[in-house]
Amino acid sequence: MLLGELRHRMKNLLGITQSMAWQTRTEGRTAAEFREDFMGRFNALIEAEDLAFSDHNGAGLTALFERILAPFRNDRASIEIEHGPAVELPSRALVSLSLIFHELATNAVKYGALSVPGGQVRVRWQVVGHELRFTWIERGGPAVTPPTQTGFGSNLIRSATSYNLGGRAEQHFAPEGLTAEIVMPAPSI
């Protein structure tokens, strides 16, 4: 039974990895740019899997955000993690959240608040009724305009939220900065 579960997990991980490789854009990019994007997503997947199988004793979300967002912090003030309630999530949810917030951070570095000195990101979570709500807020970056086309990151965020988490994702492109909300059913606390 344990071997069967391990085989199932490996098949899922390899499937996710293959999907990330196929969907990481190659048109008009160098091999180095492709590798950087793919390896960032792959490392987020590794961190999430490592966390999912560690003994995190209720600190799952805090540990997840600390690990996933660490490479994007140019100083401690650039990314603020507002600790919400201790919530235990299944490994599949941790993996999906890891990929979602890695994409948000990557876009913040390329286009948003983390692309300029003094820009800041705040991430928080809370349980509201039967929902677990994650909020990503960017401020102090360049003026924001809604994208004209949907890229891999936006598709990943939307599909991982709806398919893997059974929730919804909303992104608001206000001139002062992006605000994203990821909502999923709340687990028992």
N, C-alpha and C. Protein backbone atom coordinates (compact mmCIF):
# COMPACT_ATOMS: atom_id res chain seq x y z
N MET A 1 0.83 -1.18 0.00
CA MET A 1 0.00 0.00 0.00
C MET A 1 0.89 1.26 0.00
N LEU A 2 1.94 1.25 0.81
CA LEU A 2 2.84 2.39 0.86
C LEU A 2 3.53 2.60 -0.48
N LEU A 3 3.95 1.52 -1.10
CA LEU A 3 4.59 1.61 -2.41
C LEU A 3 3.61 2.17 -3.45
N GLY A 4 2.37 1.75 -3.38
CA GLY A 4 1.35 2.26 -4.29
C GLY A 4 1.14 3.76 -4.11
N GLU A 5 1.11 4.22 -2.87
CA GLU A 5 0.95 5.65 -2.60
C GLU A 5 2.16 6.43 -3.10
N LEU A 6 3.35 5.90 -2.89
CA LEU A 6 4.57 6.55 -3.37
C LEU A 6 4.56 6.64 -4.89
N ARG A 7 4.17 5.58 -5.56
CA ARG A 7 4.11 5.57 -7.02
C ARG A 7 3.10 6.61 -7.50
N HIS A 8 1.95 6.70 -6.83
CA HIS A 8 0.92 7.68 -7.19
C HIS A 8 1.46 9.10 -7.03
N ARG A 9 2.14 9.39 -5.91
CA ARG A 9 2.71 10.72 -5.67
C ARG A 9 3.76 11.07 -6.72
N MET A 10 4.62 10.12 -7.03
CA MET A 10 5.66 10.37 -8.03
C MET A 10 5.04 10.66 -9.39
N LYS A 11 4.02 9.91 -9.75
CA LYS A 11 3.36 10.14 -11.03
C LYS A 11 2.75 11.55 -11.07
N ASN A 12 2.13 11.96 -9.96
CA ASN A 12 1.55 13.31 -9.90
C ASN A 12 2.63 14.37 -10.02
N LEU A 13 3.74 14.22 -9.28
CA LEU A 13 4.83 15.20 -9.34
C LEU A 13 5.43 15.29 -10.73
N LEU A 14 5.65 14.15 -11.35
CA LEU A 14 6.20 14.16 -12.70
C LEU A 14 5.23 14.78 -13.69
N GLY A 15 3.94 14.55 -13.49
CA GLY A 15 2.93 15.16 -14.35
C GLY A 15 2.91 16.68 -14.20
N ILE A 16 3.02 17.16 -12.96
CA ILE A 16 3.06 18.61 -12.72
C ILE A 16 4.30 19.19 -13.37
N THR A 17 5.44 18.52 -13.18
CA THR A 17 6.70 19.00 -13.75
C THR A 17 6.63 19.05 -15.27
N GLN A 18 6.09 18.01 -15.86
CA GLN A 18 5.95 17.97 -17.32
C GLN A 18 5.05 19.11 -17.80
N SER A 19 3.95 19.33 -17.11
CA SER A 19 3.04 20.41 -17.47
C SER A 19 3.72 21.77 -17.37
N MET A 20 4.51 21.97 -16.30
CA MET A 20 5.23 23.24 -16.15
C MET A 20 6.21 23.44 -17.30
N ALA A 21 6.90 22.38 -17.69
CA ALA A 21 7.88 22.48 -18.79
C ALA A 21 7.18 22.83 -20.10
N TRP A 22 6.08 22.14 -20.40
CA TRP A 22 5.37 22.38 -21.66
C TRP A 22 4.75 23.77 -21.71
N GLN A 23 4.29 24.25 -20.56
CA GLN A 23 3.56 25.52 -20.55
C GLN A 23 4.43 26.73 -20.30
N THR A 24 5.71 26.53 -19.95
CA THR A 24 6.60 27.67 -19.79
C THR A 24 6.94 28.19 -21.18
N ARG A 25 6.61 29.42 -21.42
CA ARG A 25 6.72 30.02 -22.75
C ARG A 25 8.16 30.00 -23.27
N THR A 26 8.32 29.68 -24.55
CA THR A 26 9.65 29.66 -25.18
C THR A 26 9.77 30.71 -26.29
N GLU A 27 8.66 31.14 -26.87
CA GLU A 27 8.69 32.06 -27.99
C GLU A 27 9.35 33.38 -27.61
N GLY A 28 10.33 33.78 -28.41
CA GLY A 28 10.98 35.06 -28.22
C GLY A 28 11.84 35.14 -26.96
N ARG A 29 12.26 34.00 -26.44
CA ARG A 29 13.05 33.99 -25.21
C ARG A 29 14.32 33.18 -25.39
N THR A 30 15.31 33.49 -24.61
CA THR A 30 16.55 32.72 -24.66
C THR A 30 16.39 31.47 -23.81
N ALA A 31 17.30 30.53 -24.01
CA ALA A 31 17.31 29.31 -23.19
C ALA A 31 17.50 29.66 -21.72
N ALA A 32 18.32 30.66 -21.44
CA ALA A 32 18.57 31.06 -20.05
C ALA A 32 17.29 31.61 -19.41
N GLU A 33 16.51 32.39 -20.17
CA GLU A 33 15.25 32.92 -19.63
C GLU A 33 14.26 31.79 -19.36
N PHE A 34 14.17 30.84 -20.28
CA PHE A 34 13.30 29.69 -20.08
C PHE A 34 13.73 28.93 -18.83
N ARG A 35 15.03 28.64 -18.73
CA ARG A 35 15.55 27.88 -17.59
C ARG A 35 15.25 28.60 -16.28
N GLU A 36 15.44 29.91 -16.24
CA GLU A 36 15.18 30.66 -15.02
C GLU A 36 13.72 30.54 -14.59
N ASP A 37 12.80 30.72 -15.52
CA ASP A 37 11.37 30.60 -15.19
C ASP A 37 11.01 29.19 -14.76
N PHE A 38 11.46 28.21 -15.54
CA PHE A 38 11.12 26.82 -15.22
C PHE A 38 11.72 26.41 -13.88
N MET A 39 12.99 26.73 -13.64
CA MET A 39 13.63 26.32 -12.39
C MET A 39 13.01 27.02 -11.19
N GLY A 40 12.55 28.24 -11.34
CA GLY A 40 11.86 28.91 -10.24
C GLY A 40 10.59 28.16 -9.87
N ARG A 41 9.82 27.78 -10.87
CA ARG A 41 8.59 27.01 -10.61
C ARG A 41 8.92 25.64 -10.04
N PHE A 42 9.95 25.00 -10.58
CA PHE A 42 10.35 23.68 -10.11
C PHE A 42 10.81 23.75 -8.65
N ASN A 43 11.59 24.76 -8.30
CA ASN A 43 12.04 24.91 -6.92
C ASN A 43 10.87 25.18 -5.97
N ALA A 44 9.88 25.93 -6.42
CA ALA A 44 8.68 26.15 -5.59
C ALA A 44 7.97 24.82 -5.34
N LEU A 45 7.91 23.98 -6.35
CA LEU A 45 7.31 22.66 -6.21
C LEU A 45 8.09 21.81 -5.21
N ILE A 46 9.41 21.84 -5.29
CA ILE A 46 10.26 21.08 -4.36
C ILE A 46 10.04 21.57 -2.93
N GLU A 47 10.04 22.88 -2.73
CA GLU A 47 9.83 23.43 -1.38
C GLU A 47 8.48 23.01 -0.82
N ALA A 48 7.44 23.06 -1.65
CA ALA A 48 6.10 22.69 -1.19
C ALA A 48 6.04 21.22 -0.83
N GLU A 49 6.63 20.37 -1.64
CA GLU A 49 6.64 18.93 -1.34
C GLU A 49 7.42 18.65 -0.07
N ASP A 50 8.56 19.32 0.10
CA ASP A 50 9.36 19.14 1.31
C ASP A 50 8.55 19.55 2.53
N LEU A 51 7.88 20.68 2.45
CA LEU A 51 7.08 21.15 3.56
C LEU A 51 5.89 20.22 3.82
N ALA A 52 5.28 19.74 2.78
CA ALA A 52 4.10 18.88 2.92
C ALA A 52 4.43 17.60 3.68
N PHE A 53 5.65 17.14 3.58
CA PHE A 53 6.01 15.89 4.23
C PHE A 53 6.86 16.09 5.48
N SER A 54 7.02 17.33 5.90
CA SER A 54 7.75 17.59 7.14
C SER A 54 6.75 17.65 8.29
N ASP A 55 7.24 17.63 9.49
CA ASP A 55 6.39 17.73 10.68
C ASP A 55 6.28 19.20 11.03
N HIS A 56 5.29 19.89 10.43
CA HIS A 56 5.21 21.34 10.62
C HIS A 56 4.27 21.77 11.73
N ASN A 57 3.58 20.88 12.36
CA ASN A 57 2.80 21.15 13.58
C ASN A 57 1.99 22.44 13.54
N GLY A 58 1.18 22.64 12.55
CA GLY A 58 0.28 23.79 12.51
C GLY A 58 0.88 25.04 11.92
N ALA A 59 2.16 25.04 11.64
CA ALA A 59 2.79 26.24 11.09
C ALA A 59 2.87 26.15 9.58
N GLY A 60 2.05 25.33 8.98
CA GLY A 60 2.13 25.07 7.55
C GLY A 60 2.13 26.30 6.68
N LEU A 61 1.19 27.21 6.90
CA LEU A 61 1.10 28.38 6.02
C LEU A 61 2.23 29.37 6.28
N THR A 62 2.56 29.58 7.53
CA THR A 62 3.68 30.48 7.84
C THR A 62 4.95 29.94 7.21
N ALA A 63 5.21 28.67 7.42
CA ALA A 63 6.42 28.05 6.85
C ALA A 63 6.39 28.08 5.33
N LEU A 64 5.23 27.82 4.75
CA LEU A 64 5.10 27.86 3.29
C LEU A 64 5.50 29.22 2.74
N PHE A 65 4.92 30.28 3.28
CA PHE A 65 5.21 31.62 2.78
C PHE A 65 6.66 32.03 3.03
N GLU A 66 7.18 31.67 4.19
CA GLU A 66 8.59 31.99 4.48
C GLU A 66 9.51 31.33 3.46
N ARG A 67 9.25 30.06 3.14
CA ARG A 67 10.12 29.33 2.22
C ARG A 67 9.94 29.77 0.78
N ILE A 68 8.71 29.91 0.35
CA ILE A 68 8.45 30.23 -1.05
C ILE A 68 8.86 31.66 -1.38
N LEU A 69 8.68 32.59 -0.46
CA LEU A 69 8.95 33.99 -0.74
C LEU A 69 10.37 34.43 -0.40
N ALA A 70 11.13 33.59 0.30
CA ALA A 70 12.51 33.95 0.69
C ALA A 70 13.38 34.39 -0.49
N PRO A 71 13.36 33.70 -1.63
CA PRO A 71 14.23 34.13 -2.73
C PRO A 71 13.86 35.50 -3.32
N PHE A 72 12.66 35.99 -3.04
CA PHE A 72 12.19 37.24 -3.62
C PHE A 72 12.40 38.44 -2.69
N ARG A 73 12.87 38.18 -1.49
CA ARG A 73 13.07 39.26 -0.52
C ARG A 73 14.42 39.91 -0.73
N ASN A 74 14.42 41.18 -1.13
CA ASN A 74 15.69 41.89 -1.22
C ASN A 74 16.04 42.51 0.12
N ASP A 75 15.07 42.64 1.00
CA ASP A 75 15.28 43.00 2.41
C ASP A 75 14.04 42.53 3.18
N ARG A 76 14.13 42.52 4.49
CA ARG A 76 13.02 42.01 5.31
C ARG A 76 11.74 42.82 5.12
N ALA A 77 11.85 44.10 4.78
CA ALA A 77 10.67 44.94 4.66
C ALA A 77 9.96 44.79 3.32
N SER A 78 10.60 44.18 2.33
CA SER A 78 9.99 44.11 1.00
C SER A 78 8.78 43.19 0.95
N ILE A 79 8.78 42.14 1.77
CA ILE A 79 7.63 41.23 1.81
C ILE A 79 7.23 41.04 3.27
N GLU A 80 6.01 41.42 3.56
CA GLU A 80 5.48 41.26 4.92
C GLU A 80 4.48 40.11 4.93
N ILE A 81 4.70 39.17 5.83
CA ILE A 81 3.78 38.04 5.98
C ILE A 81 3.00 38.26 7.27
N GLU A 82 1.70 38.52 7.13
CA GLU A 82 0.83 38.70 8.29
C GLU A 82 0.31 37.32 8.69
N HIS A 83 0.75 36.85 9.82
CA HIS A 83 0.41 35.50 10.26
C HIS A 83 -1.07 35.41 10.62
N GLY A 84 -1.76 34.49 9.98
CA GLY A 84 -3.15 34.22 10.27
C GLY A 84 -3.26 33.02 11.18
N PRO A 85 -4.44 32.43 11.25
CA PRO A 85 -4.61 31.27 12.12
C PRO A 85 -3.81 30.07 11.61
N ALA A 86 -3.41 29.21 12.54
CA ALA A 86 -2.72 27.98 12.17
C ALA A 86 -3.74 27.09 11.44
N VAL A 87 -3.41 26.74 10.21
CA VAL A 87 -4.31 25.95 9.38
C VAL A 87 -3.50 24.78 8.80
N GLU A 88 -3.98 23.59 9.02
CA GLU A 88 -3.35 22.41 8.43
C GLU A 88 -4.00 22.13 7.07
N LEU A 89 -3.18 22.02 6.06
CA LEU A 89 -3.69 21.75 4.71
C LEU A 89 -3.07 20.47 4.18
N PRO A 90 -3.81 19.77 3.34
CA PRO A 90 -3.22 18.58 2.71
C PRO A 90 -2.09 18.96 1.77
N SER A 91 -1.21 18.01 1.48
CA SER A 91 -0.04 18.30 0.65
C SER A 91 -0.42 18.85 -0.71
N ARG A 92 -1.49 18.37 -1.30
CA ARG A 92 -1.91 18.87 -2.62
C ARG A 92 -2.22 20.37 -2.56
N ALA A 93 -2.86 20.80 -1.48
CA ALA A 93 -3.17 22.23 -1.34
C ALA A 93 -1.89 23.04 -1.14
N LEU A 94 -0.94 22.52 -0.36
CA LEU A 94 0.32 23.23 -0.15
C LEU A 94 1.09 23.38 -1.46
N VAL A 95 1.09 22.34 -2.27
CA VAL A 95 1.77 22.41 -3.56
C VAL A 95 1.12 23.46 -4.45
N SER A 96 -0.20 23.46 -4.52
CA SER A 96 -0.91 24.44 -5.36
C SER A 96 -0.66 25.86 -4.86
N LEU A 97 -0.75 26.08 -3.56
CA LEU A 97 -0.51 27.42 -3.03
C LEU A 97 0.93 27.86 -3.28
N SER A 98 1.85 26.93 -3.18
CA SER A 98 3.24 27.24 -3.45
C SER A 98 3.42 27.76 -4.86
N LEU A 99 2.85 27.07 -5.82
CA LEU A 99 2.96 27.48 -7.22
C LEU A 99 2.25 28.81 -7.47
N ILE A 100 1.09 28.99 -6.86
CA ILE A 100 0.33 30.23 -7.03
C ILE A 100 1.12 31.43 -6.51
N PHE A 101 1.64 31.32 -5.29
CA PHE A 101 2.33 32.47 -4.71
C PHE A 101 3.72 32.67 -5.30
N HIS A 102 4.32 31.61 -5.83
CA HIS A 102 5.56 31.78 -6.57
C HIS A 102 5.30 32.62 -7.83
N GLU A 103 4.21 32.34 -8.53
CA GLU A 103 3.86 33.12 -9.73
C GLU A 103 3.58 34.57 -9.38
N LEU A 104 2.85 34.81 -8.30
CA LEU A 104 2.58 36.20 -7.90
C LEU A 104 3.89 36.93 -7.57
N ALA A 105 4.79 36.25 -6.86
CA ALA A 105 6.08 36.88 -6.51
C ALA A 105 6.93 37.12 -7.75
N THR A 106 6.96 36.16 -8.67
CA THR A 106 7.73 36.32 -9.90
C THR A 106 7.23 37.54 -10.69
N ASN A 107 5.93 37.67 -10.80
CA ASN A 107 5.36 38.82 -11.52
C ASN A 107 5.63 40.13 -10.78
N ALA A 108 5.64 40.09 -9.45
CA ALA A 108 5.94 41.30 -8.68
C ALA A 108 7.38 41.75 -8.92
N VAL A 109 8.29 40.79 -9.09
CA VAL A 109 9.70 41.12 -9.37
C VAL A 109 9.85 41.65 -10.79
N LYS A 110 9.14 41.07 -11.73
CA LYS A 110 9.27 41.49 -13.14
C LYS A 110 8.56 42.80 -13.43
N TYR A 111 7.33 42.96 -12.90
CA TYR A 111 6.50 44.08 -13.32
C TYR A 111 5.94 44.93 -12.17
N GLY A 112 5.90 44.37 -10.97
CA GLY A 112 5.15 45.01 -9.89
C GLY A 112 6.00 45.63 -8.81
N ALA A 113 5.50 45.56 -7.59
CA ALA A 113 6.09 46.26 -6.45
C ALA A 113 7.53 45.85 -6.17
N LEU A 114 7.90 44.62 -6.43
CA LEU A 114 9.27 44.19 -6.13
C LEU A 114 10.24 44.50 -7.26
N SER A 115 9.77 45.19 -8.29
CA SER A 115 10.65 45.56 -9.40
C SER A 115 11.37 46.88 -9.15
N VAL A 116 11.02 47.56 -8.07
CA VAL A 116 11.63 48.86 -7.76
C VAL A 116 12.02 48.90 -6.28
N PRO A 117 13.05 49.69 -5.96
CA PRO A 117 13.40 49.86 -4.54
C PRO A 117 12.23 50.47 -3.78
N GLY A 118 11.99 49.99 -2.59
CA GLY A 118 10.92 50.54 -1.75
C GLY A 118 9.56 49.93 -1.98
N GLY A 119 9.40 49.11 -3.04
CA GLY A 119 8.12 48.45 -3.27
C GLY A 119 7.90 47.40 -2.20
N GLN A 120 6.63 47.14 -1.89
CA GLN A 120 6.33 46.19 -0.82
C GLN A 120 5.16 45.29 -1.20
N VAL A 121 5.26 44.06 -0.71
CA VAL A 121 4.20 43.07 -0.85
C VAL A 121 3.77 42.67 0.55
N ARG A 122 2.47 42.54 0.73
CA ARG A 122 1.93 42.03 1.99
C ARG A 122 1.05 40.83 1.65
N VAL A 123 1.26 39.75 2.35
CA VAL A 123 0.45 38.55 2.16
C VAL A 123 -0.15 38.15 3.50
N ARG A 124 -1.43 37.77 3.47
CA ARG A 124 -2.10 37.37 4.71
C ARG A 124 -3.16 36.32 4.39
N TRP A 125 -3.60 35.66 5.43
CA TRP A 125 -4.68 34.71 5.29
C TRP A 125 -5.57 34.79 6.51
N GLN A 126 -6.84 34.45 6.28
CA GLN A 126 -7.82 34.45 7.34
C GLN A 126 -8.93 33.47 7.00
N VAL A 127 -9.61 33.03 8.01
CA VAL A 127 -10.77 32.17 7.82
C VAL A 127 -12.00 33.04 8.00
N VAL A 128 -12.84 33.06 6.97
CA VAL A 128 -14.07 33.84 6.99
C VAL A 128 -15.21 32.87 6.70
N GLY A 129 -16.01 32.59 7.71
CA GLY A 129 -17.07 31.61 7.54
C GLY A 129 -16.47 30.25 7.21
N HIS A 130 -16.85 29.70 6.09
CA HIS A 130 -16.34 28.40 5.65
C HIS A 130 -15.26 28.55 4.59
N GLU A 131 -14.66 29.74 4.48
CA GLU A 131 -13.65 29.98 3.46
C GLU A 131 -12.31 30.37 4.08
N LEU A 132 -11.26 29.90 3.44
CA LEU A 132 -9.90 30.32 3.75
C LEU A 132 -9.51 31.32 2.67
N ARG A 133 -9.21 32.55 3.07
CA ARG A 133 -8.92 33.63 2.12
C ARG A 133 -7.47 34.07 2.25
N PHE A 134 -6.79 34.09 1.12
CA PHE A 134 -5.42 34.59 1.03
C PHE A 134 -5.47 35.91 0.27
N THR A 135 -4.76 36.91 0.79
CA THR A 135 -4.72 38.20 0.12
C THR A 135 -3.27 38.59 -0.14
N TRP A 136 -3.00 38.98 -1.37
CA TRP A 136 -1.68 39.44 -1.82
C TRP A 136 -1.85 40.89 -2.24
N ILE A 137 -1.12 41.80 -1.59
CA ILE A 137 -1.26 43.22 -1.86
C ILE A 137 0.11 43.80 -2.21
N GLU A 138 0.19 44.46 -3.36
CA GLU A 138 1.42 45.12 -3.79
C GLU A 138 1.22 46.63 -3.74
N ARG A 139 2.21 47.33 -3.18
CA ARG A 139 2.17 48.78 -3.14
C ARG A 139 3.59 49.32 -3.33
N GLY A 140 3.68 50.55 -3.83
CA GLY A 140 4.97 51.21 -3.98
C GLY A 140 5.72 50.85 -5.24
N GLY A 141 5.06 50.15 -6.15
CA GLY A 141 5.69 49.79 -7.42
C GLY A 141 5.26 50.73 -8.52
N PRO A 142 5.60 50.39 -9.76
CA PRO A 142 5.16 51.22 -10.89
C PRO A 142 3.64 51.18 -11.03
N ALA A 143 3.10 52.18 -11.70
CA ALA A 143 1.65 52.21 -11.94
C ALA A 143 1.24 50.93 -12.67
N VAL A 144 0.13 50.38 -12.25
CA VAL A 144 -0.34 49.09 -12.78
C VAL A 144 -1.40 49.31 -13.84
N THR A 145 -1.29 48.57 -14.90
CA THR A 145 -2.35 48.52 -15.91
C THR A 145 -2.71 47.05 -16.11
N PRO A 146 -3.97 46.76 -16.34
CA PRO A 146 -4.36 45.36 -16.56
C PRO A 146 -3.64 44.79 -17.78
N PRO A 147 -3.24 43.52 -17.71
CA PRO A 147 -2.56 42.92 -18.87
C PRO A 147 -3.51 42.81 -20.06
N THR A 148 -2.94 42.87 -21.25
CA THR A 148 -3.76 42.77 -22.46
C THR A 148 -3.99 41.33 -22.88
N GLN A 149 -3.15 40.42 -22.39
CA GLN A 149 -3.34 39.01 -22.68
C GLN A 149 -3.02 38.18 -21.44
N THR A 150 -3.56 36.98 -21.40
CA THR A 150 -3.37 36.10 -20.26
C THR A 150 -2.16 35.22 -20.50
N GLY A 151 -1.23 35.22 -19.55
CA GLY A 151 -0.02 34.42 -19.67
C GLY A 151 -0.12 33.13 -18.87
N PHE A 152 0.97 32.37 -18.88
CA PHE A 152 1.03 31.10 -18.16
C PHE A 152 0.74 31.28 -16.68
N GLY A 153 1.34 32.31 -16.07
CA GLY A 153 1.16 32.52 -14.63
C GLY A 153 -0.29 32.74 -14.25
N SER A 154 -0.98 33.59 -14.99
CA SER A 154 -2.40 33.83 -14.70
C SER A 154 -3.23 32.58 -14.90
N ASN A 155 -2.94 31.83 -15.95
CA ASN A 155 -3.65 30.57 -16.17
C ASN A 155 -3.37 29.57 -15.05
N LEU A 156 -2.11 29.49 -14.61
CA LEU A 156 -1.76 28.58 -13.53
C LEU A 156 -2.50 28.97 -12.26
N ILE A 157 -2.50 30.25 -11.93
CA ILE A 157 -3.19 30.71 -10.72
C ILE A 157 -4.66 30.35 -10.77
N ARG A 158 -5.30 30.64 -11.87
CA ARG A 158 -6.73 30.37 -12.02
C ARG A 158 -7.04 28.87 -11.97
N SER A 159 -6.28 28.07 -12.72
CA SER A 159 -6.59 26.64 -12.77
C SER A 159 -6.21 25.93 -11.48
N ALA A 160 -5.08 26.28 -10.86
CA ALA A 160 -4.70 25.65 -9.59
C ALA A 160 -5.71 25.98 -8.50
N THR A 161 -6.22 27.20 -8.52
CA THR A 161 -7.20 27.59 -7.50
C THR A 161 -8.51 26.86 -7.71
N SER A 162 -9.01 26.82 -8.92
CA SER A 162 -10.32 26.20 -9.15
C SER A 162 -10.23 24.67 -9.13
N TYR A 163 -9.26 24.11 -9.83
CA TYR A 163 -9.19 22.66 -9.96
C TYR A 163 -8.63 21.99 -8.71
N ASN A 164 -7.48 22.45 -8.22
CA ASN A 164 -6.82 21.78 -7.10
C ASN A 164 -7.36 22.20 -5.73
N LEU A 165 -7.78 23.45 -5.61
CA LEU A 165 -8.22 23.95 -4.31
C LEU A 165 -9.74 24.04 -4.20
N GLY A 166 -10.45 23.90 -5.30
CA GLY A 166 -11.91 24.02 -5.27
C GLY A 166 -12.37 25.42 -4.93
N GLY A 167 -11.57 26.42 -5.33
CA GLY A 167 -11.88 27.79 -4.97
C GLY A 167 -11.91 28.71 -6.17
N ARG A 168 -11.56 29.97 -5.92
CA ARG A 168 -11.57 30.97 -6.99
C ARG A 168 -10.42 31.95 -6.75
N ALA A 169 -9.97 32.55 -7.83
CA ALA A 169 -8.89 33.54 -7.77
C ALA A 169 -9.38 34.82 -8.43
N GLU A 170 -9.09 35.94 -7.79
CA GLU A 170 -9.44 37.25 -8.34
C GLU A 170 -8.21 38.13 -8.29
N GLN A 171 -7.96 38.84 -9.38
CA GLN A 171 -6.86 39.79 -9.44
C GLN A 171 -7.42 41.15 -9.81
N HIS A 172 -7.06 42.16 -9.01
CA HIS A 172 -7.52 43.53 -9.24
C HIS A 172 -6.31 44.38 -9.57
N PHE A 173 -6.30 44.94 -10.77
CA PHE A 173 -5.17 45.73 -11.26
C PHE A 173 -5.44 47.21 -11.07
N ALA A 174 -5.34 47.68 -9.84
CA ALA A 174 -5.54 49.10 -9.54
C ALA A 174 -4.24 49.84 -9.84
N PRO A 175 -4.30 51.12 -10.20
CA PRO A 175 -3.08 51.86 -10.52
C PRO A 175 -2.03 51.82 -9.40
N GLU A 176 -2.45 51.79 -8.13
CA GLU A 176 -1.50 51.79 -7.02
C GLU A 176 -0.87 50.43 -6.76
N GLY A 177 -1.41 49.37 -7.37
CA GLY A 177 -0.79 48.06 -7.21
C GLY A 177 -1.79 46.92 -7.33
N LEU A 178 -1.25 45.76 -7.60
CA LEU A 178 -2.06 44.55 -7.74
C LEU A 178 -2.55 44.09 -6.38
N THR A 179 -3.80 43.67 -6.33
CA THR A 179 -4.34 42.96 -5.18
C THR A 179 -4.93 41.66 -5.73
N ALA A 180 -4.49 40.55 -5.17
CA ALA A 180 -5.01 39.24 -5.58
C ALA A 180 -5.63 38.56 -4.37
N GLU A 181 -6.73 37.88 -4.60
CA GLU A 181 -7.37 37.13 -3.53
C GLU A 181 -7.59 35.70 -4.02
N ILE A 182 -7.12 34.77 -3.22
CA ILE A 182 -7.29 33.34 -3.48
C ILE A 182 -8.21 32.83 -2.39
N VAL A 183 -9.33 32.24 -2.77
CA VAL A 183 -10.33 31.77 -1.81
C VAL A 183 -10.56 30.29 -2.05
N MET A 184 -10.56 29.54 -0.94
CA MET A 184 -10.80 28.09 -1.02
C MET A 184 -11.63 27.66 0.18
N PRO A 185 -12.24 26.50 0.12
CA PRO A 185 -12.97 26.02 1.30
C PRO A 185 -12.01 25.88 2.49
N ALA A 186 -12.45 26.29 3.65
CA ALA A 186 -11.61 26.23 4.85
C ALA A 186 -11.60 24.81 5.40
N PRO A 187 -10.41 24.32 5.76
CA PRO A 187 -10.34 23.02 6.42
C PRO A 187 -10.76 23.19 7.88
N SER A 188 -10.95 22.11 8.58
CA SER A 188 -11.25 22.18 10.01
C SER A 188 -10.04 22.73 10.74
N ILE A 189 -10.26 23.67 11.62
CA ILE A 189 -9.15 24.27 12.37
C ILE A 189 -9.12 23.69 13.76
